[in-house]
C-alpha atoms as a PDB file:
ATOM      1  CA  MET A   1      -0.032  -0.001  -0.470  1.00  0.00           C
ATOM      2  CA  ALA A   2       1.827   3.198  -1.167  1.00  0.00           C
ATOM      3  CA  GLY A   3       2.231   5.835   0.957  1.00  0.00           C
ATOM      4  CA  GLU A   4       1.619   3.807   4.407  1.00  0.00           C
ATOM      5  CA  LEU A   5       2.477   5.838   7.889  1.00  0.00           C
ATOM      6  CA  ASP A   6       5.566   5.181   9.839  1.00  0.00           C
ATOM      7  CA  PHE A   7       3.410   3.028  12.398  1.00  0.00           C
ATOM      8  CA  GLU A   8       1.706   1.295   9.665  1.00  0.00           C
ATOM      9  CA  LYS A   9       4.839  -0.486   8.210  1.00  0.00           C
ATOM     10  CA  PRO A  10       4.692  -3.438  10.267  1.00  0.00           C
ATOM     11  CA  ILE A  11       1.005  -4.093   9.407  1.00  0.00           C
ATOM     12  CA  VAL A  12       1.507  -3.422   5.811  1.00  0.00           C
ATOM     13  CA  GLU A  13       4.487  -6.011   5.865  1.00  0.00           C
ATOM     14  CA  ILE A  14       2.455  -9.192   6.668  1.00  0.00           C
ATOM     15  CA  GLU A  15      -0.023  -7.720   4.458  1.00  0.00           C
ATOM     16  CA  ARG A  16       2.109  -8.016   1.311  1.00  0.00           C
ATOM     17  CA  LYS A  17       3.211 -11.385   2.823  1.00  0.00           C
ATOM     18  CA  ILE A  18      -0.280 -12.570   3.160  1.00  0.00           C
ATOM     19  CA  GLU A  19      -0.743 -11.234  -0.499  1.00  0.00           C
ATOM     20  CA  GLU A  20       2.437 -12.987  -2.152  1.00  0.00           C
ATOM     21  CA  LEU A  21       1.032 -16.378   0.066  1.00  0.00           C
ATOM     22  CA  ARG A  22      -2.333 -16.026  -1.907  1.00  0.00           C
ATOM     23  CA  SER A  23      -0.744 -15.622  -5.147  1.00  0.00           C
ATOM     24  CA  VAL A  24       0.976 -18.529  -4.835  1.00  0.00           C
ATOM     25  CA  THR A  25      -1.804 -20.383  -3.449  1.00  0.00           C
ATOM     26  CA  ALA A  26      -4.156 -19.475  -6.543  1.00  0.00           C
ATOM     27  CA  ASP A  27      -1.825 -20.556  -9.450  1.00  0.00           C
ATOM     28  CA  LYS A  28      -1.775 -23.925  -7.478  1.00  0.00           C
ATOM     29  CA  LYS A  29       1.606 -23.807  -7.431  1.00  0.00           C
ATOM     30  CA  LEU A  30       2.057 -25.133  -3.384  1.00  0.00           C
ATOM     31  CA  ASP A  31      -0.844 -25.163  -0.869  1.00  0.00           C
ATOM     32  CA  PHE A  32       0.131 -21.962   1.996  1.00  0.00           C
ATOM     33  CA  GLU A  33      -3.230 -21.967   3.730  1.00  0.00           C
ATOM     34  CA  PRO A  34      -2.262 -23.292   7.342  1.00  0.00           C
ATOM     35  CA  GLU A  35       0.725 -20.086   7.054  1.00  0.00           C
ATOM     36  CA  ILE A  36      -1.497 -17.766   5.893  1.00  0.00           C
ATOM     37  CA  ARG A  37      -4.566 -18.062   8.638  1.00  0.00           C
ATOM     38  CA  LYS A  38      -1.152 -17.562  11.247  1.00  0.00           C
ATOM     39  CA  LEU A  39      -0.212 -14.378   9.473  1.00  0.00           C
ATOM     40  CA  GLU A  40      -3.841 -13.315   9.227  1.00  0.00           C
ATOM     41  CA  ALA A  41      -3.911 -14.226  13.172  1.00  0.00           C
ATOM     42  CA  ARG A  42      -1.166 -12.353  14.008  1.00  0.00           C
ATOM     43  CA  LEU A  43      -2.393  -9.662  11.277  1.00  0.00           C
ATOM     44  CA  GLU A  44      -5.228  -8.978  13.344  1.00  0.00           C
ATOM     45  CA  LYS A  45      -3.693  -8.883  16.876  1.00  0.00           C
ATOM     46  CA  MET A  46      -1.001  -6.211  15.460  1.00  0.00           C
ATOM     47  CA  LYS A  47      -3.900  -3.774  13.690  1.00  0.00           C
ATOM     48  CA  LYS A  48      -5.703  -3.792  17.484  1.00  0.00           C
ATOM     49  CA  GLU A  49      -2.317  -3.490  19.103  1.00  0.00           C
ATOM     50  CA  VAL A  50      -1.284  -0.670  16.988  1.00  0.00           C
ATOM     51  CA  PHE A  51      -4.572   1.432  16.528  1.00  0.00           C
ATOM     52  CA  SER A  52      -5.841   1.422  19.706  1.00  0.00           C
ATOM     53  CA  ASN A  53      -3.399   2.979  21.366  1.00  0.00           C
ATOM     54  CA  LEU A  54      -2.689   5.585  18.705  1.00  0.00           C
ATOM     55  CA  THR A  55      -1.386   8.910  19.764  1.00  0.00           C
ATOM     56  CA  PRO A  56      -2.759  12.394  18.843  1.00  0.00           C
ATOM     57  CA  TRP A  57      -0.479  12.903  16.390  1.00  0.00           C
ATOM     58  CA  GLN A  58      -0.645   9.536  14.947  1.00  0.00           C
ATOM     59  CA  LYS A  59      -4.294  10.488  14.982  1.00  0.00           C
ATOM     60  CA  ILE A  60      -3.478  13.676  13.061  1.00  0.00           C
ATOM     61  CA  GLN A  61      -1.402  11.522  10.756  1.00  0.00           C
ATOM     62  CA  LEU A  62      -4.202   9.129   9.922  1.00  0.00           C
ATOM     63  CA  ALA A  63      -6.770  12.217   9.280  1.00  0.00           C
ATOM     64  CA  ARG A  64      -4.595  13.346   7.056  1.00  0.00           C
ATOM     65  CA  HIS A  65      -3.818   9.972   5.250  1.00  0.00           C
ATOM     66  CA  PRO A  66      -3.611  10.581   1.187  1.00  0.00           C
ATOM     67  CA  LYS A  67      -5.830   7.565   0.705  1.00  0.00           C
ATOM     68  CA  ARG A  68      -8.707   8.722   3.486  1.00  0.00           C
ATOM     69  CA  PRO A  69     -12.187   8.807   1.646  1.00  0.00           C
ATOM     70  CA  LEU A  70     -12.873  12.919   0.830  1.00  0.00           C
ATOM     71  CA  THR A  71     -15.729  15.047   0.424  1.00  0.00           C
ATOM     72  CA  LEU A  72     -17.237  14.031  -3.201  1.00  0.00           C
ATOM     73  CA  ASP A  73     -16.268  10.080  -2.088  1.00  0.00           C
ATOM     74  CA  TYR A  74     -18.796  10.525   0.806  1.00  0.00           C
ATOM     75  CA  VAL A  75     -20.973  11.756  -1.425  1.00  0.00           C
ATOM     76  CA  ARG A  76     -20.583   9.199  -4.486  1.00  0.00           C
ATOM     77  CA  MET A  77     -20.810   6.406  -1.792  1.00  0.00           C
ATOM     78  CA  ILE A  78     -23.849   7.660   0.494  1.00  0.00           C
ATOM     79  CA  PHE A  79     -26.050   9.882  -2.521  1.00  0.00           C
ATOM     80  CA  SER A  80     -27.400   9.630  -5.354  1.00  0.00           C
ATOM     81  CA  ASP A  81     -28.470  12.095  -8.429  1.00  0.00           C
ATOM     82  CA  PHE A  82     -25.286  14.540  -7.181  1.00  0.00           C
ATOM     83  CA  VAL A  83     -25.503  17.784  -8.992  1.00  0.00           C
ATOM     84  CA  GLU A  84     -22.414  20.221  -8.041  1.00  0.00           C
ATOM     85  CA  LEU A  85     -23.719  24.023  -7.888  1.00  0.00           C
ATOM     86  CA  HIS A  86     -20.926  26.448  -8.392  1.00  0.00           C
ATOM     87  CA  GLY A  87     -19.835  30.593  -7.720  1.00  0.00           C
ATOM     88  CA  ASP A  88     -20.390  32.823  -5.515  1.00  0.00           C
ATOM     89  CA  ARG A  89     -22.366  35.382  -7.918  1.00  0.00           C
ATOM     90  CA  LEU A  90     -19.774  37.919  -6.594  1.00  0.00           C
ATOM     91  CA  PHE A  91     -16.048  36.495  -7.618  1.00  0.00           C
ATOM     92  CA  GLY A  92     -15.438  33.099  -8.577  1.00  0.00           C
ATOM     93  CA  ASP A  93     -15.983  29.459  -8.136  1.00  0.00           C
ATOM     94  CA  ASP A  94     -13.564  27.779  -4.850  1.00  0.00           C
ATOM     95  CA  LYS A  95     -12.409  24.144  -5.637  1.00  0.00           C
ATOM     96  CA  ALA A  96     -12.004  24.155  -1.851  1.00  0.00           C
ATOM     97  CA  LEU A  97     -15.260  23.811  -0.978  1.00  0.00           C
ATOM     98  CA  VAL A  98     -17.774  22.187  -2.944  1.00  0.00           C
ATOM     99  CA  GLY A  99     -21.837  22.022  -3.070  1.00  0.00           C
ATOM    100  CA  GLY A 100     -24.735  20.627  -4.375  1.00  0.00           C
ATOM    101  CA  LEU A 101     -28.079  18.829  -4.548  1.00  0.00           C
ATOM    102  CA  ALA A 102     -28.490  15.258  -3.889  1.00  0.00           C
ATOM    103  CA  PHE A 103     -31.135  12.678  -3.190  1.00  0.00           C
ATOM    104  CA  PHE A 104     -30.734  10.726   0.428  1.00  0.00           C
ATOM    105  CA  GLU A 105     -32.607   7.453   0.168  1.00  0.00           C
ATOM    106  CA  LYS A 106     -35.115   9.263  -1.939  1.00  0.00           C
ATOM    107  CA  ARG A 107     -35.162  12.291   0.373  1.00  0.00           C
ATOM    108  CA  PRO A 108     -33.744  16.088  -1.649  1.00  0.00           C
ATOM    109  CA  MET A 109     -30.833  17.077   0.276  1.00  0.00           C
ATOM    110  CA  MET A 110     -28.472  20.023   0.232  1.00  0.00           C
ATOM    111  CA  ILE A 111     -24.451  19.068   0.939  1.00  0.00           C
ATOM    112  CA  LEU A 112     -21.598  21.320   1.327  1.00  0.00           C
ATOM    113  CA  GLY A 113     -18.022  19.592   2.219  1.00  0.00           C
ATOM    114  CA  HIS A 114     -14.270  21.012   1.547  1.00  0.00           C
ATOM    115  CA  GLN A 115     -12.621  18.977  -0.990  1.00  0.00           C
ATOM    116  CA  LYS A 116      -8.580  18.183  -1.386  1.00  0.00           C
ATOM    117  CA  GLY A 117      -7.218  16.495  -3.653  1.00  0.00           C
ATOM    118  CA  ARG A 118      -5.486  13.151  -4.394  1.00  0.00           C
ATOM    119  CA  ASP A 119      -2.686  14.105  -6.632  1.00  0.00           C
ATOM    120  CA  ILE A 120      -0.281  17.178  -6.636  1.00  0.00           C
ATOM    121  CA  LYS A 121      -1.863  18.687  -9.721  1.00  0.00           C
ATOM    122  CA  GLU A 122      -5.924  18.001  -8.173  1.00  0.00           C
ATOM    123  CA  ASN A 123      -4.462  19.552  -5.003  1.00  0.00           C
ATOM    124  CA  ILE A 124      -3.570  22.561  -6.526  1.00  0.00           C
ATOM    125  CA  ARG A 125      -6.352  23.114  -8.137  1.00  0.00           C
ATOM    126  CA  ARG A 126      -8.238  22.425  -4.934  1.00  0.00           C
ATOM    127  CA  ASN A 127      -5.718  24.558  -2.673  1.00  0.00           C
ATOM    128  CA  PHE A 128      -5.656  21.468  -0.809  1.00  0.00           C
ATOM    129  CA  GLY A 129      -8.601  22.299   1.015  1.00  0.00           C
ATOM    130  CA  SER A 130      -8.098  25.840   2.086  1.00  0.00           C
ATOM    131  CA  ALA A 131     -10.823  27.500   1.091  1.00  0.00           C
ATOM    132  CA  HIS A 132     -10.907  31.206  -0.034  1.00  0.00           C
ATOM    133  CA  PRO A 133     -13.886  33.800   0.796  1.00  0.00           C
ATOM    134  CA  GLU A 134     -15.885  33.043  -2.383  1.00  0.00           C
ATOM    135  CA  GLY A 135     -15.775  29.062  -1.216  1.00  0.00           C
ATOM    136  CA  TYR A 136     -17.324  30.342   2.072  1.00  0.00           C
ATOM    137  CA  ARG A 137     -19.813  33.056   0.324  1.00  0.00           C
ATOM    138  CA  LYS A 138     -20.843  30.085  -2.199  1.00  0.00           C
ATOM    139  CA  ALA A 139     -21.560  27.839   0.817  1.00  0.00           C
ATOM    140  CA  MET A 140     -23.936  30.630   2.226  1.00  0.00           C
ATOM    141  CA  ARG A 141     -25.719  30.929  -1.426  1.00  0.00           C
ATOM    142  CA  LEU A 142     -26.284  26.775  -1.050  1.00  0.00           C
ATOM    143  CA  MET A 143     -27.507  27.116   2.581  1.00  0.00           C
ATOM    144  CA  ALA A 144     -29.843  29.846   1.669  1.00  0.00           C
ATOM    145  CA  MET A 145     -31.359  27.830  -0.959  1.00  0.00           C
ATOM    146  CA  ALA A 146     -31.543  24.997   1.252  1.00  0.00           C
ATOM    147  CA  GLU A 147     -33.589  27.096   3.434  1.00  0.00           C
ATOM    148  CA  LYS A 148     -35.601  28.027   0.811  1.00  0.00           C
ATOM    149  CA  PHE A 149     -36.899  24.667  -0.302  1.00  0.00           C
ATOM    150  CA  HIS A 150     -36.831  23.456   3.381  1.00  0.00           C
ATOM    151  CA  LEU A 151     -33.827  20.862   1.810  1.00  0.00           C
ATOM    152  CA  PRO A 152     -31.653  19.269   5.266  1.00  0.00           C
ATOM    153  CA  LEU A 153     -28.032  20.438   4.753  1.00  0.00           C
ATOM    154  CA  VAL A 154     -25.459  17.930   5.585  1.00  0.00           C
ATOM    155  CA  CYS A 155     -21.539  19.497   5.770  1.00  0.00           C
ATOM    156  CA  PHE A 156     -18.561  17.503   5.687  1.00  0.00           C
ATOM    157  CA  VAL A 157     -15.352  18.992   7.204  1.00  0.00           C
ATOM    158  CA  ASP A 158     -11.964  18.440   6.109  1.00  0.00           C
ATOM    159  CA  THR A 159      -9.211  21.545   6.011  1.00  0.00           C
ATOM    160  CA  PRO A 160      -6.395  22.664   7.396  1.00  0.00           C
ATOM    161  CA  GLY A 161      -8.123  26.047   8.244  1.00  0.00           C
ATOM    162  CA  ALA A 162      -9.393  28.747   5.623  1.00  0.00           C
ATOM    163  CA  TYR A 163      -6.989  30.507   3.013  1.00  0.00           C
ATOM    164  CA  PRO A 164      -4.379  32.717   4.956  1.00  0.00           C
ATOM    165  CA  GLY A 165      -2.988  34.737   1.561  1.00  0.00           C
ATOM    166  CA  ILE A 166      -2.910  38.026   0.977  1.00  0.00           C
ATOM    167  CA  GLY A 167      -5.777  37.667  -1.814  1.00  0.00           C
ATOM    168  CA  ALA A 168      -7.893  36.077   0.428  1.00  0.00           C
ATOM    169  CA  GLU A 169      -7.772  38.541   3.315  1.00  0.00           C
ATOM    170  CA  GLU A 170      -8.403  41.590   0.403  1.00  0.00           C
ATOM    171  CA  ARG A 171     -11.531  39.748  -0.176  1.00  0.00           C
ATOM    172  CA  GLY A 172     -12.570  39.287   3.480  1.00  0.00           C
ATOM    173  CA  GLN A 173     -12.013  36.165   4.680  1.00  0.00           C
ATOM    174  CA  ALA A 174     -12.804  36.763   8.166  1.00  0.00           C
ATOM    175  CA  HIS A 175     -15.736  38.568   7.139  1.00  0.00           C
ATOM    176  CA  ALA A 176     -16.872  35.587   4.967  1.00  0.00           C
ATOM    177  CA  ILE A 177     -16.590  33.169   7.871  1.00  0.00           C
ATOM    178  CA  ALA A 178     -18.142  34.885  10.609  1.00  0.00           C
ATOM    179  CA  GLU A 179     -21.508  35.481   8.141  1.00  0.00           C
ATOM    180  CA  ASN A 180     -21.606  32.025   7.283  1.00  0.00           C
ATOM    181  CA  ILE A 181     -21.743  31.251  11.634  1.00  0.00           C
ATOM    182  CA  ARG A 182     -24.114  34.059  11.928  1.00  0.00           C
ATOM    183  CA  PHE A 183     -26.185  32.754   8.856  1.00  0.00           C
ATOM    184  CA  MET A 184     -26.189  29.320  10.158  1.00  0.00           C
ATOM    185  CA  ALA A 185     -26.681  29.846  13.887  1.00  0.00           C
ATOM    186  CA  SER A 186     -30.368  31.061  12.102  1.00  0.00           C
ATOM    187  CA  LEU A 187     -31.234  28.496   9.551  1.00  0.00           C
ATOM    188  CA  HIS A 188     -34.809  26.850   9.618  1.00  0.00           C
ATOM    189  CA  ILE A 189     -33.588  23.264   8.357  1.00  0.00           C
ATOM    190  CA  PRO A 190     -31.425  20.680  10.428  1.00  0.00           C
ATOM    191  CA  VAL A 191     -27.709  20.721   9.892  1.00  0.00           C
ATOM    192  CA  ILE A 192     -25.457  17.599  10.211  1.00  0.00           C
ATOM    193  CA  VAL A 193     -21.924  18.530  10.773  1.00  0.00           C
ATOM    194  CA  ILE A 194     -19.640  15.667  10.270  1.00  0.00           C
ATOM    195  CA  VAL A 195     -15.718  16.321  10.796  1.00  0.00           C
ATOM    196  CA  ILE A 196     -14.353  13.531   7.835  1.00  0.00           C
ATOM    197  CA  GLY A 197     -10.488  14.281   8.112  1.00  0.00           C
ATOM    198  CA  GLU A 198      -9.251  17.719   9.764  1.00  0.00           C
ATOM    199  CA  GLY A 199     -11.230  20.356  10.965  1.00  0.00           C
ATOM    200  CA  GLY A 200      -8.864  23.578  11.481  1.00  0.00           C
ATOM    201  CA  SER A 201      -9.878  26.519  13.041  1.00  0.00           C
ATOM    202  CA  GLY A 202     -12.010  29.453  11.095  1.00  0.00           C
ATOM    203  CA  GLY A 203     -11.941  26.963   7.827  1.00  0.00           C
ATOM    204  CA  ALA A 204     -14.054  24.166   9.480  1.00  0.00           C
ATOM    205  CA  LEU A 205     -16.440  26.852  11.461  1.00  0.00           C
ATOM    206  CA  GLY A 206     -17.445  28.419   8.132  1.00  0.00           C
ATOM    207  CA  VAL A 207     -19.473  25.381   7.663  1.00  0.00           C
ATOM    208  CA  GLY A 208     -19.574  23.469  11.018  1.00  0.00           C
ATOM    209  CA  MET A 209     -22.229  25.193  12.979  1.00  0.00           C
ATOM    210  CA  GLY A 210     -24.859  22.717  13.166  1.00  0.00           C
ATOM    211  CA  ASP A 211     -27.350  21.004  15.179  1.00  0.00           C
ATOM    212  CA  ARG A 212     -25.648  17.716  15.535  1.00  0.00           C
ATOM    213  CA  ILE A 213     -21.458  17.790  15.128  1.00  0.00           C
ATOM    214  CA  CYS A 214     -20.302  14.313  14.849  1.00  0.00           C
ATOM    215  CA  VAL A 215     -16.045  13.494  14.068  1.00  0.00           C
ATOM    216  CA  LEU A 216     -14.643  10.636  12.825  1.00  0.00           C
ATOM    217  CA  GLU A 217     -12.419   8.227  15.263  1.00  0.00           C
ATOM    218  CA  ASN A 218      -9.415   9.215  13.755  1.00  0.00           C
ATOM    219  CA  ALA A 219     -10.362  12.868  12.987  1.00  0.00           C
ATOM    220  CA  TYR A 220      -9.300  16.265  14.098  1.00  0.00           C
ATOM    221  CA  TYR A 221     -11.565  19.673  15.340  1.00  0.00           C
ATOM    222  CA  SER A 222      -8.977  22.069  16.582  1.00  0.00           C
ATOM    223  CA  VAL A 223      -8.864  26.004  16.659  1.00  0.00           C
ATOM    224  CA  ILE A 224      -5.036  25.822  15.208  1.00  0.00           C
ATOM    225  CA  SER A 225      -3.461  23.183  13.289  1.00  0.00           C
ATOM    226  CA  PRO A 226      -0.727  21.441  15.517  1.00  0.00           C
ATOM    227  CA  GLU A 227       2.119  22.842  13.063  1.00  0.00           C
ATOM    228  CA  GLY A 228       0.397  26.561  13.304  1.00  0.00           C
ATOM    229  CA  CYS A 229       0.358  26.026  17.222  1.00  0.00           C
ATOM    230  CA  SER A 230       3.939  25.029  17.328  1.00  0.00           C
ATOM    231  CA  ALA A 231       5.082  28.009  15.269  1.00  0.00           C
ATOM    232  CA  ILE A 232       3.624  30.392  17.835  1.00  0.00           C
ATOM    233  CA  LEU A 233       4.057  29.202  21.176  1.00  0.00           C
ATOM    234  CA  TRP A 234       7.636  27.647  20.757  1.00  0.00           C
ATOM    235  CA  LYS A 235       8.832  29.386  17.547  1.00  0.00           C
ATOM    236  CA  ASP A 236       9.603  26.182  16.146  1.00  0.00           C
ATOM    237  CA  ARG A 237       7.448  24.525  13.919  1.00  0.00           C
ATOM    238  CA  THR A 238       9.287  21.028  14.736  1.00  0.00           C
ATOM    239  CA  LYS A 239       7.394  20.859  17.896  1.00  0.00           C
ATOM    240  CA  ALA A 240       3.854  19.474  16.258  1.00  0.00           C
ATOM    241  CA  ARG A 241       4.045  16.693  18.149  1.00  0.00           C
ATOM    242  CA  GLU A 242       4.023  18.438  21.214  1.00  0.00           C
ATOM    243  CA  ALA A 243       1.361  20.782  20.157  1.00  0.00           C
ATOM    244  CA  ALA A 244      -1.360  18.088  19.157  1.00  0.00           C
ATOM    245  CA  GLU A 245      -0.990  16.991  22.827  1.00  0.00           C
ATOM    246  CA  CYS A 246      -1.423  20.469  24.091  1.00  0.00           C
ATOM    247  CA  LEU A 247      -4.675  20.720  22.140  1.00  0.00           C
ATOM    248  CA  LYS A 248      -6.978  18.402  23.298  1.00  0.00           C
ATOM    249  CA  LEU A 249      -8.128  17.866  19.418  1.00  0.00           C
ATOM    250  CA  THR A 250      -8.766  14.291  19.363  1.00  0.00           C
ATOM    251  CA  ALA A 251     -12.327  12.872  18.883  1.00  0.00           C
ATOM    252  CA  LYS A 252     -12.241  11.423  22.388  1.00  0.00           C
ATOM    253  CA  ASP A 253     -11.094  14.741  23.580  1.00  0.00           C
ATOM    254  CA  LEU A 254     -13.721  16.972  22.215  1.00  0.00           C
ATOM    255  CA  LEU A 255     -16.402  14.423  23.413  1.00  0.00           C
ATOM    256  CA  GLU A 256     -15.256  15.082  27.022  1.00  0.00           C
ATOM    257  CA  PHE A 257     -15.421  18.678  26.512  1.00  0.00           C
ATOM    258  CA  LYS A 258     -19.398  18.624  25.235  1.00  0.00           C
ATOM    259  CA  LEU A 259     -17.972  20.113  22.134  1.00  0.00           C
ATOM    260  CA  ILE A 260     -18.980  17.055  19.600  1.00  0.00           C
ATOM    261  CA  ASP A 261     -22.036  15.400  19.712  1.00  0.00           C
ATOM    262  CA  ARG A 262     -20.934  12.225  18.584  1.00  0.00           C
ATOM    263  CA  ILE A 263     -17.823   9.921  17.759  1.00  0.00           C
ATOM    264  CA  ILE A 264     -18.276   7.916  14.037  1.00  0.00           C
ATOM    265  CA  GLU A 265     -16.198   4.666  14.608  1.00  0.00           C
ATOM    266  CA  GLU A 266     -13.869   3.782  12.326  1.00  0.00           C
ATOM    267  CA  PRO A 267     -12.783   0.686  10.177  1.00  0.00           C
ATOM    268  CA  LEU A 268     -10.195  -1.060  11.995  1.00  0.00           C
ATOM    269  CA  GLY A 269      -6.211   0.735  10.391  1.00  0.00           C
ATOM    270  CA  GLY A 270      -8.675   3.843   9.806  1.00  0.00           C
ATOM    271  CA  ALA A 271     -11.460   5.079   7.221  1.00  0.00           C
ATOM    272  CA  HIS A 272      -9.067   4.319   4.284  1.00  0.00           C
ATOM    273  CA  ARG A 273      -8.525   0.416   4.779  1.00  0.00           C
ATOM    274  CA  ASP A 274     -12.509   0.290   4.231  1.00  0.00           C
ATOM    275  CA  ALA A 275     -14.038   3.277   2.708  1.00  0.00           C
ATOM    276  CA  ASP A 276     -17.666   1.480   1.744  1.00  0.00           C
ATOM    277  CA  ALA A 277     -17.698   0.284   5.633  1.00  0.00           C
ATOM    278  CA  MET A 278     -16.967   3.617   6.577  1.00  0.00           C
ATOM    279  CA  ALA A 279     -19.444   5.628   4.284  1.00  0.00           C
ATOM    280  CA  LEU A 280     -22.296   3.019   5.552  1.00  0.00           C
ATOM    281  CA  ARG A 281     -21.390   4.158   9.063  1.00  0.00           C
ATOM    282  CA  VAL A 282     -21.562   8.028   8.239  1.00  0.00           C
ATOM    283  CA  LYS A 283     -25.111   7.106   5.993  1.00  0.00           C
ATOM    284  CA  SER A 284     -26.450   5.323   9.437  1.00  0.00           C
ATOM    285  CA  VAL A 285     -25.774   8.320  11.762  1.00  0.00           C
ATOM    286  CA  ILE A 286     -27.136  10.541   8.977  1.00  0.00           C
ATOM    287  CA  GLN A 287     -30.271   8.255   8.808  1.00  0.00           C
ATOM    288  CA  GLU A 288     -30.859   8.523  12.374  1.00  0.00           C
ATOM    289  CA  TYR A 289     -30.255  12.444  13.033  1.00  0.00           C
ATOM    290  CA  LEU A 290     -32.833  12.987   9.751  1.00  0.00           C
ATOM    291  CA  ASP A 291     -35.531  10.632  11.708  1.00  0.00           C
ATOM    292  CA  GLU A 292     -34.686  12.623  15.105  1.00  0.00           C
ATOM    293  CA  PHE A 293     -35.111  15.685  13.241  1.00  0.00           C
ATOM    294  CA  GLU A 294     -38.477  14.762  11.710  1.00  0.00           C
ATOM    295  CA  LYS A 295     -40.159  15.402  15.465  1.00  0.00           C
ATOM    296  CA  ILE A 296     -38.385  18.980  16.070  1.00  0.00           C
ATOM    297  CA  ASP A 297     -40.508  22.037  15.107  1.00  0.00           C
ATOM    298  CA  THR A 298     -37.845  23.861  12.912  1.00  0.00           C
ATOM    299  CA  ASP A 299     -38.376  26.993  15.394  1.00  0.00           C
ATOM    300  CA  GLU A 300     -37.600  25.083  18.743  1.00  0.00           C
ATOM    301  CA  LEU A 301     -34.498  23.437  16.373  1.00  0.00           C
ATOM    302  CA  VAL A 302     -32.883  26.937  16.171  1.00  0.00           C
ATOM    303  CA  GLN A 303     -33.625  27.664  19.838  1.00  0.00           C
ATOM    304  CA  GLN A 304     -31.569  24.147  20.557  1.00  0.00           C
ATOM    305  CA  ARG A 305     -28.895  25.209  18.367  1.00  0.00           C
ATOM    306  CA  TYR A 306     -28.446  28.766  19.961  1.00  0.00           C
ATOM    307  CA  GLU A 307     -28.613  26.964  23.722  1.00  0.00           C
ATOM    308  CA  LYS A 308     -26.212  24.324  22.395  1.00  0.00           C
ATOM    309  CA  PHE A 309     -23.110  26.281  21.314  1.00  0.00           C
ATOM    310  CA  ARG A 310     -24.224  28.706  24.360  1.00  0.00           C
ATOM    311  CA  ARG A 311     -23.288  26.305  26.717  1.00  0.00           C
ATOM    312  CA  MET A 312     -19.591  25.735  25.268  1.00  0.00           C
ATOM    313  CA  GLY A 313     -17.096  26.725  27.640  1.00  0.00           C
ATOM    314  CA  ILE A 314     -19.509  27.134  30.504  1.00  0.00           C
ATOM    315  CA  PHE A 315     -17.061  25.707  34.005  1.00  0.00           C
ATOM    316  CA  GLU A 316     -17.294  26.274  37.550  1.00  0.00           C
ATOM    317  CA  GLU A 317     -14.068  26.746  40.007  1.00  0.00           C
ATOM    318  CA  ALA A 318     -14.343  24.510  42.603  1.00  0.00           C
ATOM    319  CA  ALA A 319     -12.432  25.676  45.863  1.00  0.00           C
ATOM    320  CA  GLN A 320      -9.616  23.134  46.727  1.00  0.00           C
END
């Protein structure tokens, strides 16, 4: 498997050995079934040992894995008849943030999400998933359309952060993100947010205010990337591993702090090892929430959303 991470290499080596033995067995040259079974048992044990004890930095590496399913992969596997809509009607079309109409089990929906690339050429075209202001303004336009036609909204978050370039700042990057947050707070439609990979800073928040926020097991959601935090605190980007520990950005940490509603478990080894299974789990969660929202009045939904975010950051000091 190309692009394996350091801690994945022993696992990948065993997988390659199994594939080689199966190839020989398939050619009926020799029977290696007993050896294959032993290797499979060893492989399963190693996977559990490695992936049940990942550090925050290792989880970030999985969140950035080049083979991890992206927004358009989930759209293809979960929804049908997707029609992508383009442009913010002000400046241009941002390829880093995609959106459009689709059907979910014959029910019309609006889909939004950051989109990275699979190779250098596509990553450059999509700006590595870092959206410009026109991306967030396009998102707002599609949110307004969803509200007008009473369509539930599903947002897939996967970005290291909004693009910080001079051009983006000149076109109102911070204002665009702030406007989106304000607008999403008042949407009279169900909003489901799913962090599928990286959830970096305001870039994530620009499509990240929802009635339910879910984070995949090996995804992260943070006010800043570990590299950015490292550069600010230690003036040294190489201390990203230490920053990841301090930021408490894993799904488990976020759930404990009540910043998210749910962790969606990934297949053993990460979402990239079984994209179809991962998509089925995401689909099940979306279905569950849509069924739940059908019983809630839209005005009540907005009030619950408001109260949900107002509760974040509340704490009490106890006397020692």
